[in-house]
Amino acid sequence: MQELKRVYVWEFPIRLTHWINFLSIIALSITGFYIASPFAHAYSANQYIMGWMRFIHFVSAYAFLMSLIIRVYWAFMGNQYASWRAWFPFTPERFRELLSDFKFYLLLSREHAHVIGHTVTAGLTYFFVFSLFAFEIVSGFAIYSLTHKGFVWTLLGGWLLTVWSIPTIRLLHHMAMYLIFVFVGMHLYIAWWLDSTEKNGVMGSIFSGYKFISGKE
């Protein structure tokens, strides 16, 4: 039996922001759907459904913003597995790993690059996803700035109103949400697939921070 080594990969800030993002996305999606098209109606002034939905949406948005700030900060202060360099894998060797990853995930090959942290595919994907996160935050604050004037709101997203109209911003805000849904589905599939094929504890690592590696990595 091959002996596996236990390695501490995902530090606490990485795990913390991961779960804040997860919970925020759920809350923002449900409340966002309701704000755009209410699916339940109040029958008395005491119910205040829209008010609560907006409150939860705004609180979740601030939590999402702080989570993104912490994650970007930790990309410079964390260990090598959290580093921003994993998001920009533009070297010939990493491009070969990218091709190998695509063949593996499409079930065209059983071989792929064994890495402890993020694969090259994951690095590029996270760069795209965090760009989506940033756009959701900016576009959300752009809509929010319609009723909140001042330098802070202009800085957080109000400036986007000079680029696009409100209907366009709302449409792109919703479209970005659907792209995030696609990412979540792919993320779960790939994490499960790697866990089942490599037996490296990748699913459990987001809770404990530890993965198990062999001599291949």
N, C-alpha and C. Protein backbone atom coordinates (compact mmCIF):
# COMPACT_ATOMS: atom_id res chain seq x y z
N MET A 1 0.84 -1.20 0.00
CA MET A 1 0.00 0.00 0.00
C MET A 1 0.87 1.25 0.00
N GLN A 2 0.55 2.17 -0.87
CA GLN A 2 1.34 3.39 -0.98
C GLN A 2 1.06 4.32 0.20
N GLU A 3 2.15 4.80 0.82
CA GLU A 3 2.00 5.68 1.97
C GLU A 3 1.70 7.11 1.49
N LEU A 4 0.71 7.71 2.10
CA LEU A 4 0.32 9.07 1.75
C LEU A 4 0.79 10.04 2.83
N LYS A 5 1.17 11.22 2.37
CA LYS A 5 1.65 12.27 3.27
C LYS A 5 0.57 13.32 3.45
N ARG A 6 0.35 13.74 4.70
CA ARG A 6 -0.65 14.76 5.02
C ARG A 6 -0.01 16.14 4.93
N VAL A 7 -0.57 17.00 4.07
CA VAL A 7 0.01 18.32 3.82
C VAL A 7 -1.04 19.39 4.09
N TYR A 8 -0.63 20.43 4.84
CA TYR A 8 -1.53 21.56 5.12
C TYR A 8 -1.50 22.50 3.92
N VAL A 9 -2.59 22.56 3.18
CA VAL A 9 -2.65 23.30 1.92
C VAL A 9 -3.46 24.58 2.07
N TRP A 10 -4.71 24.44 2.47
CA TRP A 10 -5.62 25.60 2.51
C TRP A 10 -5.64 26.21 3.91
N GLU A 11 -5.05 27.38 4.02
CA GLU A 11 -5.01 28.08 5.30
C GLU A 11 -6.40 28.59 5.69
N PHE A 12 -6.55 28.97 6.96
CA PHE A 12 -7.87 29.36 7.47
C PHE A 12 -8.52 30.48 6.66
N PRO A 13 -7.81 31.57 6.28
CA PRO A 13 -8.48 32.61 5.49
C PRO A 13 -9.05 32.10 4.17
N ILE A 14 -8.39 31.12 3.57
CA ILE A 14 -8.89 30.55 2.31
C ILE A 14 -10.18 29.80 2.56
N ARG A 15 -10.19 28.99 3.60
CA ARG A 15 -11.40 28.22 3.92
C ARG A 15 -12.54 29.14 4.37
N LEU A 16 -12.19 30.16 5.14
CA LEU A 16 -13.20 31.10 5.61
C LEU A 16 -13.88 31.82 4.45
N THR A 17 -13.09 32.38 3.55
CA THR A 17 -13.66 33.12 2.42
C THR A 17 -14.43 32.19 1.49
N HIS A 18 -13.98 30.95 1.36
CA HIS A 18 -14.70 29.99 0.53
C HIS A 18 -16.13 29.81 1.02
N TRP A 19 -16.31 29.63 2.32
CA TRP A 19 -17.64 29.39 2.86
C TRP A 19 -18.46 30.67 2.96
N ILE A 20 -17.81 31.81 3.17
CA ILE A 20 -18.54 33.07 3.12
C ILE A 20 -19.09 33.30 1.72
N ASN A 21 -18.26 33.03 0.72
CA ASN A 21 -18.71 33.16 -0.68
C ASN A 21 -19.87 32.23 -0.97
N PHE A 22 -19.75 31.01 -0.50
CA PHE A 22 -20.80 30.00 -0.73
C PHE A 22 -22.13 30.46 -0.15
N LEU A 23 -22.12 30.88 1.12
CA LEU A 23 -23.35 31.31 1.77
C LEU A 23 -23.88 32.61 1.18
N SER A 24 -22.96 33.52 0.83
CA SER A 24 -23.36 34.80 0.25
C SER A 24 -24.03 34.61 -1.10
N ILE A 25 -23.47 33.73 -1.91
CA ILE A 25 -24.03 33.49 -3.24
C ILE A 25 -25.45 32.93 -3.13
N ILE A 26 -25.66 32.01 -2.18
CA ILE A 26 -27.01 31.46 -1.99
C ILE A 26 -27.98 32.57 -1.58
N ALA A 27 -27.58 33.36 -0.57
CA ALA A 27 -28.46 34.43 -0.07
C ALA A 27 -28.70 35.49 -1.14
N LEU A 28 -27.65 35.88 -1.84
CA LEU A 28 -27.79 36.91 -2.87
C LEU A 28 -28.65 36.43 -4.03
N SER A 29 -28.53 35.17 -4.39
CA SER A 29 -29.30 34.63 -5.51
C SER A 29 -30.79 34.59 -5.19
N ILE A 30 -31.12 34.05 -4.02
CA ILE A 30 -32.53 33.94 -3.64
C ILE A 30 -33.17 35.31 -3.50
N THR A 31 -32.50 36.19 -2.75
CA THR A 31 -33.07 37.53 -2.55
C THR A 31 -33.05 38.36 -3.83
N GLY A 32 -32.02 38.14 -4.66
CA GLY A 32 -31.95 38.86 -5.94
C GLY A 32 -33.09 38.48 -6.85
N PHE A 33 -33.41 37.17 -6.91
CA PHE A 33 -34.55 36.72 -7.69
C PHE A 33 -35.83 37.38 -7.19
N TYR A 34 -35.96 37.45 -5.88
CA TYR A 34 -37.18 38.02 -5.31
C TYR A 34 -37.29 39.52 -5.62
N ILE A 35 -36.18 40.24 -5.45
CA ILE A 35 -36.21 41.69 -5.71
C ILE A 35 -36.57 41.98 -7.16
N ALA A 36 -36.02 41.15 -8.08
CA ALA A 36 -36.29 41.35 -9.50
C ALA A 36 -37.71 40.96 -9.88
N SER A 37 -38.21 39.87 -9.26
CA SER A 37 -39.56 39.38 -9.59
C SER A 37 -40.15 38.71 -8.35
N PRO A 38 -40.81 39.47 -7.50
CA PRO A 38 -41.33 38.92 -6.23
C PRO A 38 -42.21 37.69 -6.45
N PHE A 39 -41.88 36.61 -5.75
CA PHE A 39 -42.65 35.38 -5.88
C PHE A 39 -43.51 35.13 -4.64
N ALA A 40 -43.52 36.07 -3.70
CA ALA A 40 -44.42 36.01 -2.54
C ALA A 40 -44.82 37.45 -2.21
N HIS A 41 -46.06 37.63 -1.82
CA HIS A 41 -46.58 38.97 -1.60
C HIS A 41 -47.06 39.14 -0.17
N ALA A 42 -46.84 40.32 0.36
CA ALA A 42 -47.29 40.64 1.72
C ALA A 42 -48.78 40.96 1.70
N TYR A 43 -49.47 40.49 2.73
CA TYR A 43 -50.89 40.78 2.85
C TYR A 43 -51.19 41.74 3.99
N SER A 44 -50.12 42.19 4.66
CA SER A 44 -50.27 43.21 5.69
C SER A 44 -48.97 43.98 5.80
N ALA A 45 -49.04 45.18 6.37
CA ALA A 45 -47.85 46.02 6.50
C ALA A 45 -46.84 45.42 7.46
N ASN A 46 -47.26 44.50 8.32
CA ASN A 46 -46.36 43.90 9.30
C ASN A 46 -45.44 42.85 8.71
N GLN A 47 -45.77 42.33 7.54
CA GLN A 47 -44.95 41.26 6.96
C GLN A 47 -43.62 41.79 6.42
N TYR A 48 -43.64 42.89 5.69
CA TYR A 48 -42.41 43.58 5.26
C TYR A 48 -41.46 42.64 4.51
N ILE A 49 -42.01 41.85 3.58
CA ILE A 49 -41.20 40.83 2.90
C ILE A 49 -40.11 41.46 2.04
N MET A 50 -40.49 42.43 1.21
CA MET A 50 -39.50 43.07 0.35
C MET A 50 -38.41 43.75 1.17
N GLY A 51 -38.80 44.36 2.26
CA GLY A 51 -37.81 45.02 3.12
C GLY A 51 -36.79 44.04 3.66
N TRP A 52 -37.25 42.88 4.12
CA TRP A 52 -36.32 41.86 4.63
C TRP A 52 -35.45 41.29 3.52
N MET A 53 -36.04 41.08 2.36
CA MET A 53 -35.26 40.56 1.23
C MET A 53 -34.16 41.53 0.85
N ARG A 54 -34.47 42.80 0.79
CA ARG A 54 -33.46 43.81 0.45
C ARG A 54 -32.40 43.90 1.54
N PHE A 55 -32.83 43.82 2.80
CA PHE A 55 -31.87 43.87 3.91
C PHE A 55 -30.89 42.70 3.83
N ILE A 56 -31.41 41.49 3.64
CA ILE A 56 -30.54 40.30 3.54
C ILE A 56 -29.62 40.41 2.33
N HIS A 57 -30.16 40.93 1.24
CA HIS A 57 -29.36 41.10 0.02
C HIS A 57 -28.20 42.06 0.28
N PHE A 58 -28.47 43.17 0.94
CA PHE A 58 -27.42 44.17 1.19
C PHE A 58 -26.38 43.65 2.17
N VAL A 59 -26.82 43.00 3.25
CA VAL A 59 -25.88 42.44 4.23
C VAL A 59 -24.99 41.39 3.57
N SER A 60 -25.59 40.53 2.76
CA SER A 60 -24.83 39.49 2.05
C SER A 60 -23.84 40.12 1.07
N ALA A 61 -24.25 41.22 0.45
CA ALA A 61 -23.37 41.91 -0.49
C ALA A 61 -22.14 42.47 0.21
N TYR A 62 -22.33 43.05 1.39
CA TYR A 62 -21.19 43.56 2.15
C TYR A 62 -20.28 42.42 2.61
N ALA A 63 -20.87 41.30 3.03
CA ALA A 63 -20.07 40.15 3.43
C ALA A 63 -19.28 39.61 2.24
N PHE A 64 -19.92 39.59 1.07
CA PHE A 64 -19.27 39.13 -0.16
C PHE A 64 -18.10 40.04 -0.53
N LEU A 65 -18.32 41.36 -0.39
CA LEU A 65 -17.27 42.33 -0.68
C LEU A 65 -16.08 42.14 0.25
N MET A 66 -16.32 42.00 1.55
CA MET A 66 -15.23 41.83 2.52
C MET A 66 -14.50 40.51 2.28
N SER A 67 -15.24 39.48 1.90
CA SER A 67 -14.62 38.19 1.62
C SER A 67 -13.66 38.30 0.43
N LEU A 68 -14.09 39.01 -0.61
CA LEU A 68 -13.24 39.18 -1.78
C LEU A 68 -11.98 39.98 -1.44
N ILE A 69 -12.13 41.01 -0.60
CA ILE A 69 -10.97 41.81 -0.19
C ILE A 69 -9.98 40.95 0.59
N ILE A 70 -10.50 40.14 1.52
CA ILE A 70 -9.63 39.26 2.31
C ILE A 70 -8.91 38.26 1.41
N ARG A 71 -9.65 37.70 0.43
CA ARG A 71 -9.04 36.69 -0.45
C ARG A 71 -7.95 37.31 -1.31
N VAL A 72 -8.16 38.50 -1.83
CA VAL A 72 -7.14 39.16 -2.64
C VAL A 72 -5.93 39.48 -1.77
N TYR A 73 -6.17 39.96 -0.55
CA TYR A 73 -5.08 40.24 0.39
C TYR A 73 -4.27 38.97 0.66
N TRP A 74 -4.98 37.85 0.88
CA TRP A 74 -4.27 36.61 1.21
C TRP A 74 -3.56 36.02 -0.01
N ALA A 75 -3.91 36.47 -1.19
CA ALA A 75 -3.20 36.03 -2.39
C ALA A 75 -1.76 36.54 -2.38
N PHE A 76 -1.51 37.59 -1.60
CA PHE A 76 -0.16 38.15 -1.48
C PHE A 76 0.51 37.77 -0.16
N MET A 77 -0.29 37.46 0.87
CA MET A 77 0.26 37.19 2.19
C MET A 77 0.22 35.72 2.58
N GLY A 78 -0.52 34.90 1.85
CA GLY A 78 -0.68 33.51 2.22
C GLY A 78 0.44 32.62 1.70
N ASN A 79 0.25 31.32 1.86
CA ASN A 79 1.28 30.37 1.41
C ASN A 79 1.26 30.23 -0.12
N GLN A 80 2.10 29.36 -0.63
CA GLN A 80 2.26 29.23 -2.08
C GLN A 80 0.99 28.73 -2.76
N TYR A 81 0.15 28.02 -2.04
CA TYR A 81 -1.07 27.48 -2.64
C TYR A 81 -2.16 28.54 -2.77
N ALA A 82 -2.05 29.61 -1.98
CA ALA A 82 -3.01 30.70 -2.04
C ALA A 82 -2.54 31.83 -2.93
N SER A 83 -1.32 31.75 -3.43
CA SER A 83 -0.68 32.86 -4.13
C SER A 83 -1.41 33.26 -5.41
N TRP A 84 -1.35 34.54 -5.72
CA TRP A 84 -1.93 35.08 -6.95
C TRP A 84 -1.26 34.50 -8.18
N ARG A 85 -0.05 33.99 -8.01
CA ARG A 85 0.67 33.43 -9.16
C ARG A 85 -0.05 32.23 -9.77
N ALA A 86 -0.86 31.55 -8.93
CA ALA A 86 -1.62 30.40 -9.45
C ALA A 86 -2.69 30.84 -10.43
N TRP A 87 -3.07 32.14 -10.38
CA TRP A 87 -4.11 32.64 -11.28
C TRP A 87 -3.55 33.08 -12.63
N PHE A 88 -2.22 33.15 -12.76
CA PHE A 88 -1.58 33.61 -14.00
C PHE A 88 -0.51 32.60 -14.45
N PRO A 89 -0.92 31.40 -14.80
CA PRO A 89 0.04 30.33 -15.12
C PRO A 89 0.48 30.37 -16.58
N PHE A 90 1.09 31.48 -16.99
CA PHE A 90 1.43 31.64 -18.40
C PHE A 90 2.89 31.27 -18.68
N THR A 91 3.17 29.98 -18.64
CA THR A 91 4.48 29.46 -19.00
C THR A 91 4.27 28.25 -19.92
N PRO A 92 5.25 27.89 -20.76
CA PRO A 92 5.07 26.74 -21.66
C PRO A 92 4.72 25.46 -20.90
N GLU A 93 5.37 25.24 -19.76
CA GLU A 93 5.09 24.03 -18.99
C GLU A 93 3.65 24.00 -18.49
N ARG A 94 3.17 25.16 -18.02
CA ARG A 94 1.81 25.22 -17.50
C ARG A 94 0.77 25.09 -18.61
N PHE A 95 1.09 25.57 -19.82
CA PHE A 95 0.18 25.39 -20.94
C PHE A 95 0.05 23.90 -21.30
N ARG A 96 1.15 23.16 -21.17
CA ARG A 96 1.08 21.72 -21.41
C ARG A 96 0.21 21.05 -20.35
N GLU A 97 0.31 21.53 -19.12
CA GLU A 97 -0.55 21.02 -18.05
C GLU A 97 -2.02 21.33 -18.34
N LEU A 98 -2.27 22.50 -18.91
CA LEU A 98 -3.64 22.89 -19.24
C LEU A 98 -4.25 21.92 -20.24
N LEU A 99 -3.50 21.58 -21.28
CA LEU A 99 -3.98 20.63 -22.29
C LEU A 99 -4.23 19.26 -21.65
N SER A 100 -3.32 18.85 -20.77
CA SER A 100 -3.47 17.57 -20.09
C SER A 100 -4.72 17.57 -19.22
N ASP A 101 -4.97 18.68 -18.54
CA ASP A 101 -6.17 18.79 -17.69
C ASP A 101 -7.44 18.68 -18.51
N PHE A 102 -7.49 19.36 -19.66
CA PHE A 102 -8.69 19.32 -20.50
C PHE A 102 -8.98 17.88 -20.95
N LYS A 103 -7.96 17.16 -21.34
CA LYS A 103 -8.15 15.78 -21.78
C LYS A 103 -8.66 14.92 -20.63
N PHE A 104 -8.15 15.19 -19.42
CA PHE A 104 -8.55 14.41 -18.25
C PHE A 104 -10.00 14.68 -17.88
N TYR A 105 -10.39 15.95 -17.81
CA TYR A 105 -11.74 16.30 -17.40
C TYR A 105 -12.78 15.91 -18.44
N LEU A 106 -12.37 15.82 -19.71
CA LEU A 106 -13.28 15.39 -20.77
C LEU A 106 -13.27 13.88 -20.95
N LEU A 107 -12.58 13.18 -20.03
CA LEU A 107 -12.50 11.72 -20.02
C LEU A 107 -11.82 11.16 -21.27
N LEU A 108 -10.91 11.96 -21.86
CA LEU A 108 -10.16 11.51 -23.02
C LEU A 108 -8.82 10.91 -22.64
N SER A 109 -8.43 11.09 -21.40
CA SER A 109 -7.15 10.57 -20.92
C SER A 109 -7.24 10.31 -19.42
N ARG A 110 -6.45 9.35 -18.95
CA ARG A 110 -6.37 9.06 -17.52
C ARG A 110 -5.21 9.79 -16.86
N GLU A 111 -4.38 10.43 -17.67
CA GLU A 111 -3.20 11.11 -17.15
C GLU A 111 -3.44 12.62 -17.09
N HIS A 112 -2.96 13.22 -16.00
CA HIS A 112 -3.00 14.68 -15.88
C HIS A 112 -1.96 15.08 -14.85
N ALA A 113 -1.70 16.38 -14.81
CA ALA A 113 -0.68 16.88 -13.90
C ALA A 113 -1.13 16.73 -12.45
N HIS A 114 -0.25 16.19 -11.61
CA HIS A 114 -0.53 16.04 -10.19
C HIS A 114 0.08 17.22 -9.45
N VAL A 115 -0.77 18.02 -8.83
CA VAL A 115 -0.30 19.17 -8.07
C VAL A 115 -0.95 19.17 -6.70
N ILE A 116 -0.30 19.84 -5.76
CA ILE A 116 -0.82 19.88 -4.40
C ILE A 116 -1.92 20.94 -4.27
N GLY A 117 -1.67 22.11 -4.83
CA GLY A 117 -2.65 23.19 -4.74
C GLY A 117 -3.58 23.19 -5.93
N HIS A 118 -3.72 24.34 -6.57
CA HIS A 118 -4.59 24.45 -7.73
C HIS A 118 -3.87 23.98 -8.99
N THR A 119 -4.60 23.28 -9.85
CA THR A 119 -4.08 22.95 -11.17
C THR A 119 -4.08 24.22 -12.01
N VAL A 120 -3.45 24.15 -13.17
CA VAL A 120 -3.42 25.32 -14.05
C VAL A 120 -4.83 25.68 -14.51
N THR A 121 -5.68 24.67 -14.73
CA THR A 121 -7.06 24.93 -15.12
C THR A 121 -7.81 25.65 -14.01
N ALA A 122 -7.59 25.20 -12.79
CA ALA A 122 -8.25 25.85 -11.65
C ALA A 122 -7.78 27.28 -11.49
N GLY A 123 -6.49 27.52 -11.69
CA GLY A 123 -5.96 28.88 -11.56
C GLY A 123 -6.61 29.84 -12.54
N LEU A 124 -6.68 29.43 -13.80
CA LEU A 124 -7.32 30.28 -14.81
C LEU A 124 -8.81 30.46 -14.54
N THR A 125 -9.45 29.38 -14.09
CA THR A 125 -10.88 29.44 -13.80
C THR A 125 -11.15 30.40 -12.65
N TYR A 126 -10.34 30.33 -11.60
CA TYR A 126 -10.55 31.21 -10.46
C TYR A 126 -10.30 32.67 -10.81
N PHE A 127 -9.37 32.92 -11.70
CA PHE A 127 -9.16 34.29 -12.15
C PHE A 127 -10.42 34.82 -12.82
N PHE A 128 -11.04 34.00 -13.67
CA PHE A 128 -12.26 34.39 -14.34
C PHE A 128 -13.41 34.55 -13.35
N VAL A 129 -13.53 33.60 -12.41
CA VAL A 129 -14.63 33.63 -11.45
C VAL A 129 -14.51 34.82 -10.51
N PHE A 130 -13.29 35.12 -10.05
CA PHE A 130 -13.14 36.27 -9.16
C PHE A 130 -13.37 37.58 -9.92
N SER A 131 -13.13 37.56 -11.22
CA SER A 131 -13.49 38.72 -12.03
C SER A 131 -15.01 38.88 -12.07
N LEU A 132 -15.72 37.75 -12.18
CA LEU A 132 -17.18 37.78 -12.12
C LEU A 132 -17.66 38.30 -10.77
N PHE A 133 -17.02 37.81 -9.70
CA PHE A 133 -17.37 38.28 -8.36
C PHE A 133 -17.23 39.80 -8.27
N ALA A 134 -16.09 40.30 -8.77
CA ALA A 134 -15.83 41.74 -8.71
C ALA A 134 -16.88 42.50 -9.50
N PHE A 135 -17.25 41.96 -10.67
CA PHE A 135 -18.26 42.65 -11.48
C PHE A 135 -19.62 42.65 -10.79
N GLU A 136 -19.98 41.54 -10.15
CA GLU A 136 -21.25 41.48 -9.43
C GLU A 136 -21.29 42.54 -8.33
N ILE A 137 -20.18 42.71 -7.64
CA ILE A 137 -20.10 43.69 -6.56
C ILE A 137 -20.23 45.11 -7.12
N VAL A 138 -19.45 45.41 -8.16
CA VAL A 138 -19.47 46.76 -8.73
C VAL A 138 -20.82 47.08 -9.34
N SER A 139 -21.38 46.15 -10.11
CA SER A 139 -22.68 46.39 -10.74
C SER A 139 -23.78 46.49 -9.70
N GLY A 140 -23.68 45.70 -8.63
CA GLY A 140 -24.67 45.79 -7.56
C GLY A 140 -24.65 47.14 -6.88
N PHE A 141 -23.45 47.64 -6.59
CA PHE A 141 -23.34 48.96 -5.96
C PHE A 141 -23.71 50.07 -6.94
N ALA A 142 -23.55 49.82 -8.23
CA ALA A 142 -23.99 50.80 -9.23
C ALA A 142 -25.49 50.99 -9.14
N ILE A 143 -26.23 49.87 -9.05
CA ILE A 143 -27.68 49.94 -8.90
C ILE A 143 -28.05 50.58 -7.56
N TYR A 144 -27.31 50.22 -6.52
CA TYR A 144 -27.58 50.75 -5.18
C TYR A 144 -27.34 52.25 -5.12
N SER A 145 -26.39 52.74 -5.92
CA SER A 145 -26.03 54.16 -5.88
C SER A 145 -27.13 55.06 -6.45
N LEU A 146 -28.14 54.47 -7.09
CA LEU A 146 -29.24 55.27 -7.61
C LEU A 146 -29.98 55.99 -6.48
N THR A 147 -30.00 55.35 -5.32
CA THR A 147 -30.71 55.94 -4.17
C THR A 147 -29.75 56.36 -3.06
N HIS A 148 -28.45 56.20 -3.28
CA HIS A 148 -27.46 56.58 -2.28
C HIS A 148 -26.36 57.38 -2.97
N LYS A 149 -26.36 58.66 -2.75
CA LYS A 149 -25.40 59.54 -3.40
C LYS A 149 -24.20 59.78 -2.49
N GLY A 150 -23.06 60.05 -3.11
CA GLY A 150 -21.87 60.36 -2.35
C GLY A 150 -20.64 59.70 -2.95
N PHE A 151 -19.47 60.12 -2.49
CA PHE A 151 -18.21 59.65 -3.05
C PHE A 151 -18.03 58.14 -2.88
N VAL A 152 -18.40 57.62 -1.69
CA VAL A 152 -18.20 56.19 -1.42
C VAL A 152 -18.98 55.34 -2.40
N TRP A 153 -20.26 55.70 -2.62
CA TRP A 153 -21.10 54.90 -3.52
C TRP A 153 -20.66 55.05 -4.97
N THR A 154 -20.16 56.22 -5.32
CA THR A 154 -19.62 56.41 -6.67
C THR A 154 -18.38 55.57 -6.87
N LEU A 155 -17.53 55.50 -5.84
CA LEU A 155 -16.31 54.72 -5.92
C LEU A 155 -16.60 53.22 -6.01
N LEU A 156 -17.55 52.75 -5.21
CA LEU A 156 -17.86 51.32 -5.17
C LEU A 156 -18.55 50.82 -6.43
N GLY A 157 -19.25 51.70 -7.14
CA GLY A 157 -19.92 51.22 -8.34
C GLY A 157 -20.69 52.26 -9.12
N GLY A 158 -20.93 53.42 -8.50
CA GLY A 158 -21.70 54.45 -9.17
C GLY A 158 -21.11 54.92 -10.49
N TRP A 159 -19.78 54.83 -10.59
CA TRP A 159 -19.11 55.25 -11.83
C TRP A 159 -19.54 54.42 -13.03
N LEU A 160 -20.05 53.20 -12.77
CA LEU A 160 -20.47 52.33 -13.88
C LEU A 160 -21.68 52.90 -14.61
N LEU A 161 -22.42 53.79 -13.95
CA LEU A 161 -23.59 54.41 -14.57
C LEU A 161 -23.20 55.32 -15.73
N THR A 162 -21.94 55.74 -15.76
CA THR A 162 -21.47 56.56 -16.87
C THR A 162 -21.03 55.72 -18.06
N VAL A 163 -21.00 54.41 -17.86
CA VAL A 163 -20.56 53.49 -18.92
C VAL A 163 -21.76 52.82 -19.58
N TRP A 164 -22.70 52.31 -18.76
CA TRP A 164 -23.87 51.61 -19.27
C TRP A 164 -25.14 52.18 -18.66
N SER A 165 -26.24 51.89 -19.29
CA SER A 165 -27.54 52.29 -18.76
C SER A 165 -27.95 51.32 -17.65
N ILE A 166 -28.93 51.73 -16.85
CA ILE A 166 -29.40 50.87 -15.75
C ILE A 166 -29.94 49.53 -16.26
N PRO A 167 -30.78 49.49 -17.32
CA PRO A 167 -31.25 48.19 -17.80
C PRO A 167 -30.10 47.26 -18.22
N THR A 168 -29.06 47.83 -18.84
CA THR A 168 -27.92 47.01 -19.25
C THR A 168 -27.17 46.47 -18.04
N ILE A 169 -26.97 47.30 -17.03
CA ILE A 169 -26.28 46.87 -15.82
C ILE A 169 -27.07 45.76 -15.13
N ARG A 170 -28.39 45.94 -15.04
CA ARG A 170 -29.24 44.92 -14.41
C ARG A 170 -29.15 43.60 -15.18
N LEU A 171 -29.19 43.68 -16.50
CA LEU A 171 -29.11 42.48 -17.32
C LEU A 171 -27.78 41.76 -17.12
N LEU A 172 -26.69 42.51 -17.16
CA LEU A 172 -25.37 41.91 -16.98
C LEU A 172 -25.19 41.36 -15.57
N HIS A 173 -25.79 42.04 -14.59
CA HIS A 173 -25.74 41.58 -13.20
C HIS A 173 -26.39 40.21 -13.09
N HIS A 174 -27.52 40.03 -13.76
CA HIS A 174 -28.21 38.73 -13.74
C HIS A 174 -27.45 37.68 -14.53
N MET A 175 -26.92 38.05 -15.69
CA MET A 175 -26.18 37.10 -16.52
C MET A 175 -24.94 36.58 -15.80
N ALA A 176 -24.26 37.47 -15.09
CA ALA A 176 -23.07 37.06 -14.33
C ALA A 176 -23.45 36.05 -13.25
N MET A 177 -24.62 36.23 -12.66
CA MET A 177 -25.09 35.28 -11.65
C MET A 177 -25.26 33.89 -12.24
N TYR A 178 -25.81 33.82 -13.46
CA TYR A 178 -26.00 32.51 -14.09
C TYR A 178 -24.65 31.87 -14.43
N LEU A 179 -23.67 32.66 -14.81
CA LEU A 179 -22.33 32.12 -15.06
C LEU A 179 -21.72 31.58 -13.78
N ILE A 180 -21.99 32.24 -12.66
CA ILE A 180 -21.51 31.74 -11.37
C ILE A 180 -22.18 30.41 -11.04
N PHE A 181 -23.46 30.27 -11.37
CA PHE A 181 -24.14 28.99 -11.17
C PHE A 181 -23.46 27.88 -11.96
N VAL A 182 -23.08 28.18 -13.20
CA VAL A 182 -22.38 27.19 -14.03
C VAL A 182 -21.07 26.79 -13.38
N PHE A 183 -20.34 27.78 -12.88
CA PHE A 183 -19.07 27.50 -12.20
C PHE A 183 -19.28 26.60 -10.99
N VAL A 184 -20.30 26.88 -10.19
CA VAL A 184 -20.55 26.09 -8.99
C VAL A 184 -20.78 24.62 -9.36
N GLY A 185 -21.57 24.39 -10.41
CA GLY A 185 -21.81 23.02 -10.85
C GLY A 185 -20.53 22.33 -11.31
N MET A 186 -19.73 23.02 -12.10
CA MET A 186 -18.46 22.46 -12.58
C MET A 186 -17.49 22.25 -11.42
N HIS A 187 -17.48 23.19 -10.49
CA HIS A 187 -16.59 23.11 -9.33
C HIS A 187 -16.89 21.86 -8.50
N LEU A 188 -18.16 21.59 -8.25
CA LEU A 188 -18.54 20.42 -7.49
C LEU A 188 -18.19 19.13 -8.23
N TYR A 189 -18.45 19.12 -9.54
CA TYR A 189 -18.16 17.93 -10.33
C TYR A 189 -16.67 17.62 -10.34
N ILE A 190 -15.84 18.63 -10.60
CA ILE A 190 -14.40 18.42 -10.70
C ILE A 190 -13.81 18.04 -9.35
N ALA A 191 -14.28 18.70 -8.27
CA ALA A 191 -13.77 18.37 -6.94
C ALA A 191 -14.11 16.91 -6.59
N TRP A 192 -15.34 16.51 -6.90
CA TRP A 192 -15.74 15.12 -6.63
C TRP A 192 -14.93 14.15 -7.50
N TRP A 193 -14.72 14.53 -8.77
CA TRP A 193 -13.99 13.65 -9.68
C TRP A 193 -12.54 13.46 -9.22
N LEU A 194 -11.90 14.55 -8.83
CA LEU A 194 -10.51 14.45 -8.35
C LEU A 194 -10.44 13.65 -7.06
N ASP A 195 -11.41 13.85 -6.19
CA ASP A 195 -11.40 13.15 -4.91
C ASP A 195 -11.55 11.64 -5.12
N SER A 196 -12.40 11.27 -6.07
CA SER A 196 -12.65 9.86 -6.31
C SER A 196 -11.54 9.17 -7.08
N THR A 197 -10.82 9.92 -7.93
CA THR A 197 -9.76 9.32 -8.74
C THR A 197 -8.39 9.37 -8.07
N GLU A 198 -8.10 10.47 -7.38
CA GLU A 198 -6.78 10.62 -6.77
C GLU A 198 -6.75 10.21 -5.30
N LYS A 199 -7.92 10.11 -4.67
CA LYS A 199 -8.00 9.76 -3.25
C LYS A 199 -7.12 10.66 -2.40
N ASN A 200 -7.16 11.97 -2.70
CA ASN A 200 -6.28 12.91 -2.00
C ASN A 200 -7.01 13.77 -0.97
N GLY A 201 -8.29 13.47 -0.74
CA GLY A 201 -9.04 14.20 0.28
C GLY A 201 -9.38 15.62 -0.09
N VAL A 202 -9.50 15.91 -1.39
CA VAL A 202 -9.74 17.28 -1.81
C VAL A 202 -11.09 17.81 -1.31
N MET A 203 -12.10 16.95 -1.22
CA MET A 203 -13.40 17.41 -0.72
C MET A 203 -13.33 17.79 0.75
N GLY A 204 -12.61 17.00 1.53
CA GLY A 204 -12.49 17.28 2.95
C GLY A 204 -11.51 18.39 3.26
N SER A 205 -10.63 18.71 2.29
CA SER A 205 -9.58 19.70 2.56
C SER A 205 -10.14 21.10 2.76
N ILE A 206 -11.32 21.38 2.20
CA ILE A 206 -11.89 22.72 2.37
C ILE A 206 -12.46 22.89 3.77
N PHE A 207 -12.58 21.81 4.51
CA PHE A 207 -12.98 21.88 5.92
C PHE A 207 -11.76 21.86 6.84
N SER A 208 -10.82 20.94 6.57
CA SER A 208 -9.67 20.77 7.45
C SER A 208 -8.43 21.54 7.01
N GLY A 209 -8.33 21.80 5.71
CA GLY A 209 -7.14 22.45 5.18
C GLY A 209 -6.09 21.48 4.70
N TYR A 210 -6.25 20.18 5.01
CA TYR A 210 -5.23 19.18 4.70
C TYR A 210 -5.61 18.33 3.50
N LYS A 211 -4.60 18.04 2.67
CA LYS A 211 -4.74 17.07 1.59
C LYS A 211 -3.73 15.95 1.78
N PHE A 212 -3.94 14.86 1.08
CA PHE A 212 -3.04 13.71 1.18
C PHE A 212 -2.37 13.51 -0.18
N ILE A 213 -1.05 13.44 -0.18
CA ILE A 213 -0.31 13.33 -1.43
C ILE A 213 0.60 12.11 -1.41
N SER A 214 0.95 11.66 -2.61
CA SER A 214 1.90 10.57 -2.76
C SER A 214 3.18 11.12 -3.35
N GLY A 215 4.03 10.28 -3.82
CA GLY A 215 5.28 10.71 -4.40
C GLY A 215 5.14 11.31 -5.78
N LYS A 216 3.92 11.30 -6.38
CA LYS A 216 3.72 11.83 -7.71
C LYS A 216 3.77 13.35 -7.74
N GLU A 217 3.25 13.99 -6.67
CA GLU A 217 3.14 15.44 -6.68
C GLU A 217 4.49 16.14 -6.53
